[in-house]
Amino acid sequence: MTDPYLYDGQSPDDHVASCPECGAAIALVEADLAVVPPDRLRAAVLSGARRRRPPAGSVVAALAVPYATQIALMD
């Protein structure tokens, strides 16, 4: 979308300078300066990522117990 015909023959920079609507839109998406996070945040995030989640319960075991109970009632 940087073709001059999209901007009435102007360069994109000239168009943004002369068009308040486009200038406001560009101001919304301009990047902010990156800030280095504090060391404690980095350590907390990395330890959470490295922590192993406990294994989920076996789905088969969860379904087999009620089934086995019903079978035992039929015997």
N, C-alpha and C. Protein backbone atom coordinates (compact mmCIF):
# COMPACT_ATOMS: atom_id res chain seq x y z
N MET A 1 0.82 -1.20 0.00
CA MET A 1 0.00 0.00 0.00
C MET A 1 0.86 1.26 0.00
N THR A 2 2.08 1.16 -0.44
CA THR A 2 2.93 2.35 -0.46
C THR A 2 2.99 2.98 -1.84
N ASP A 3 2.13 2.53 -2.75
CA ASP A 3 2.14 3.12 -4.08
C ASP A 3 1.65 4.56 -4.02
N PRO A 4 2.29 5.45 -4.78
CA PRO A 4 1.92 6.87 -4.72
C PRO A 4 0.46 7.15 -5.06
N TYR A 5 -0.15 6.34 -5.94
CA TYR A 5 -1.54 6.65 -6.30
C TYR A 5 -2.48 6.49 -5.11
N LEU A 6 -2.09 5.72 -4.11
CA LEU A 6 -2.92 5.59 -2.92
C LEU A 6 -2.91 6.85 -2.08
N TYR A 7 -1.90 7.67 -2.27
CA TYR A 7 -1.74 8.88 -1.46
C TYR A 7 -1.84 10.14 -2.31
N ASP A 8 -2.63 10.12 -3.35
CA ASP A 8 -2.81 11.28 -4.23
C ASP A 8 -1.48 11.78 -4.79
N GLY A 9 -0.61 10.85 -5.19
CA GLY A 9 0.66 11.21 -5.79
C GLY A 9 1.74 11.61 -4.80
N GLN A 10 1.44 11.57 -3.52
CA GLN A 10 2.43 11.93 -2.51
C GLN A 10 3.18 10.68 -2.05
N SER A 11 4.34 10.91 -1.47
CA SER A 11 5.02 9.79 -0.83
C SER A 11 4.25 9.46 0.45
N PRO A 12 4.37 8.25 0.96
CA PRO A 12 3.66 7.91 2.19
C PRO A 12 3.99 8.86 3.35
N ASP A 13 5.24 9.27 3.48
CA ASP A 13 5.62 10.18 4.57
C ASP A 13 4.95 11.54 4.42
N ASP A 14 4.91 12.06 3.18
CA ASP A 14 4.25 13.34 2.93
C ASP A 14 2.76 13.24 3.20
N HIS A 15 2.16 12.12 2.82
CA HIS A 15 0.73 11.94 3.04
C HIS A 15 0.41 11.93 4.53
N VAL A 16 1.19 11.19 5.30
CA VAL A 16 0.94 11.12 6.74
C VAL A 16 1.09 12.50 7.37
N ALA A 17 2.05 13.27 6.90
CA ALA A 17 2.27 14.61 7.44
C ALA A 17 1.10 15.53 7.13
N SER A 18 0.42 15.31 6.00
CA SER A 18 -0.67 16.21 5.60
C SER A 18 -2.06 15.68 5.93
N CYS A 19 -2.17 14.45 6.39
CA CYS A 19 -3.48 13.85 6.66
C CYS A 19 -3.62 13.58 8.16
N PRO A 20 -4.45 14.36 8.85
CA PRO A 20 -4.59 14.17 10.29
C PRO A 20 -5.11 12.78 10.68
N GLU A 21 -6.00 12.24 9.87
CA GLU A 21 -6.55 10.92 10.18
C GLU A 21 -5.47 9.84 10.11
N CYS A 22 -4.66 9.86 9.08
CA CYS A 22 -3.58 8.87 8.95
C CYS A 22 -2.49 9.12 9.99
N GLY A 23 -2.21 10.37 10.28
CA GLY A 23 -1.22 10.69 11.31
C GLY A 23 -1.64 10.16 12.67
N ALA A 24 -2.94 10.30 12.99
CA ALA A 24 -3.45 9.78 14.27
C ALA A 24 -3.37 8.26 14.30
N ALA A 25 -3.67 7.61 13.17
CA ALA A 25 -3.59 6.15 13.12
C ALA A 25 -2.15 5.67 13.29
N ILE A 26 -1.22 6.35 12.66
CA ILE A 26 0.19 5.99 12.78
C ILE A 26 0.67 6.19 14.22
N ALA A 27 0.20 7.25 14.86
CA ALA A 27 0.61 7.51 16.24
C ALA A 27 0.16 6.39 17.18
N LEU A 28 -0.96 5.75 16.86
CA LEU A 28 -1.46 4.66 17.70
C LEU A 28 -0.61 3.40 17.58
N VAL A 29 -0.01 3.17 16.43
CA VAL A 29 0.72 1.92 16.22
C VAL A 29 2.24 2.06 16.30
N GLU A 30 2.73 3.26 16.55
CA GLU A 30 4.17 3.41 16.68
C GLU A 30 4.67 2.65 17.90
N ALA A 31 5.81 2.03 17.76
CA ALA A 31 6.37 1.21 18.83
C ALA A 31 6.87 2.07 19.98
N ASP A 32 6.63 1.60 21.18
CA ASP A 32 7.20 2.23 22.36
C ASP A 32 8.61 1.69 22.56
N LEU A 33 9.35 2.36 23.36
CA LEU A 33 10.69 1.87 23.68
C LEU A 33 10.58 0.61 24.53
N ALA A 34 11.40 -0.36 24.23
CA ALA A 34 11.40 -1.59 25.00
C ALA A 34 12.05 -1.34 26.35
N VAL A 35 11.47 -1.94 27.36
CA VAL A 35 11.99 -1.81 28.71
C VAL A 35 12.46 -3.18 29.16
N VAL A 36 13.64 -3.23 29.73
CA VAL A 36 14.17 -4.50 30.23
C VAL A 36 13.42 -4.86 31.51
N PRO A 37 12.85 -6.06 31.57
CA PRO A 37 12.10 -6.44 32.78
C PRO A 37 13.04 -6.63 33.96
N PRO A 38 12.53 -6.46 35.17
CA PRO A 38 13.37 -6.69 36.34
C PRO A 38 13.82 -8.15 36.42
N ASP A 39 14.98 -8.38 37.03
CA ASP A 39 15.51 -9.73 37.13
C ASP A 39 14.56 -10.67 37.86
N ARG A 40 13.85 -10.18 38.87
CA ARG A 40 12.94 -11.04 39.63
C ARG A 40 11.80 -11.54 38.74
N LEU A 41 11.36 -10.73 37.79
CA LEU A 41 10.31 -11.17 36.87
C LEU A 41 10.83 -12.24 35.94
N ARG A 42 12.01 -12.05 35.42
CA ARG A 42 12.62 -13.06 34.53
C ARG A 42 12.78 -14.38 35.26
N ALA A 43 13.28 -14.32 36.50
CA ALA A 43 13.48 -15.54 37.28
C ALA A 43 12.15 -16.23 37.56
N ALA A 44 11.12 -15.47 37.88
CA ALA A 44 9.81 -16.06 38.18
C ALA A 44 9.21 -16.72 36.94
N VAL A 45 9.32 -16.07 35.81
CA VAL A 45 8.76 -16.63 34.57
C VAL A 45 9.51 -17.89 34.16
N LEU A 46 10.83 -17.85 34.23
CA LEU A 46 11.61 -19.02 33.84
C LEU A 46 11.40 -20.19 34.79
N SER A 47 11.29 -19.92 36.09
CA SER A 47 11.07 -21.03 37.02
C SER A 47 9.68 -21.63 36.81
N GLY A 48 8.70 -20.80 36.51
CA GLY A 48 7.36 -21.33 36.22
C GLY A 48 7.35 -22.16 34.95
N ALA A 49 8.12 -21.75 33.97
CA ALA A 49 8.17 -22.50 32.71
C ALA A 49 8.90 -23.82 32.88
N ARG A 50 9.87 -23.85 33.76
CA ARG A 50 10.66 -25.07 33.95
C ARG A 50 10.01 -26.05 34.93
N ARG A 51 9.08 -25.56 35.73
CA ARG A 51 8.44 -26.42 36.72
C ARG A 51 7.59 -27.46 36.00
N ARG A 52 7.69 -28.68 36.44
CA ARG A 52 6.94 -29.74 35.77
C ARG A 52 5.56 -29.84 36.38
N ARG A 53 4.60 -29.91 35.54
CA ARG A 53 3.22 -30.05 35.97
C ARG A 53 3.01 -31.49 36.43
N PRO A 54 2.24 -31.69 37.50
CA PRO A 54 1.98 -33.07 37.91
C PRO A 54 1.21 -33.81 36.82
N PRO A 55 1.46 -35.09 36.67
CA PRO A 55 0.78 -35.83 35.61
C PRO A 55 -0.73 -35.85 35.84
N ALA A 56 -1.44 -35.76 34.76
CA ALA A 56 -2.90 -35.82 34.83
C ALA A 56 -3.33 -37.23 35.18
N GLY A 57 -4.46 -37.35 35.84
CA GLY A 57 -4.97 -38.67 36.18
C GLY A 57 -5.32 -39.44 34.92
N SER A 58 -5.23 -40.73 35.03
CA SER A 58 -5.52 -41.57 33.88
C SER A 58 -7.01 -41.56 33.57
N VAL A 59 -7.36 -41.25 32.36
CA VAL A 59 -8.76 -41.24 31.94
C VAL A 59 -9.33 -42.65 31.99
N VAL A 60 -8.52 -43.61 31.61
CA VAL A 60 -8.98 -45.01 31.61
C VAL A 60 -9.34 -45.44 33.02
N ALA A 61 -8.49 -45.10 33.98
CA ALA A 61 -8.78 -45.48 35.37
C ALA A 61 -10.04 -44.79 35.86
N ALA A 62 -10.23 -43.55 35.50
CA ALA A 62 -11.42 -42.82 35.94
C ALA A 62 -12.69 -43.44 35.37
N LEU A 63 -12.63 -43.99 34.17
CA LEU A 63 -13.80 -44.62 33.56
C LEU A 63 -13.95 -46.08 33.98
N ALA A 64 -12.85 -46.73 34.28
CA ALA A 64 -12.90 -48.17 34.57
C ALA A 64 -13.49 -48.45 35.94
N VAL A 65 -13.28 -47.59 36.91
CA VAL A 65 -13.78 -47.86 38.26
C VAL A 65 -15.31 -47.93 38.29
N PRO A 66 -16.04 -46.95 37.76
CA PRO A 66 -17.50 -47.07 37.77
C PRO A 66 -17.98 -48.28 36.94
N TYR A 67 -17.31 -48.56 35.84
CA TYR A 67 -17.68 -49.71 35.01
C TYR A 67 -17.48 -51.00 35.79
N ALA A 68 -16.35 -51.12 36.45
CA ALA A 68 -16.07 -52.32 37.25
C ALA A 68 -17.08 -52.46 38.38
N THR A 69 -17.50 -51.36 38.97
CA THR A 69 -18.50 -51.40 40.03
C THR A 69 -19.82 -51.95 39.50
N GLN A 70 -20.24 -51.50 38.33
CA GLN A 70 -21.49 -51.99 37.73
C GLN A 70 -21.39 -53.47 37.37
N ILE A 71 -20.26 -53.88 36.85
CA ILE A 71 -20.06 -55.29 36.50
C ILE A 71 -20.11 -56.15 37.75
N ALA A 72 -19.51 -55.66 38.83
CA ALA A 72 -19.53 -56.41 40.09
C ALA A 72 -20.95 -56.58 40.61
N LEU A 73 -21.81 -55.60 40.38
CA LEU A 73 -23.21 -55.72 40.82
C LEU A 73 -23.96 -56.78 40.02
N MET A 74 -23.56 -57.02 38.78
CA MET A 74 -24.24 -58.02 37.95
C MET A 74 -23.78 -59.44 38.28
N ASP A 75 -22.65 -59.60 38.90
CA ASP A 75 -22.16 -60.95 39.22
C ASP A 75 -22.91 -61.56 40.36
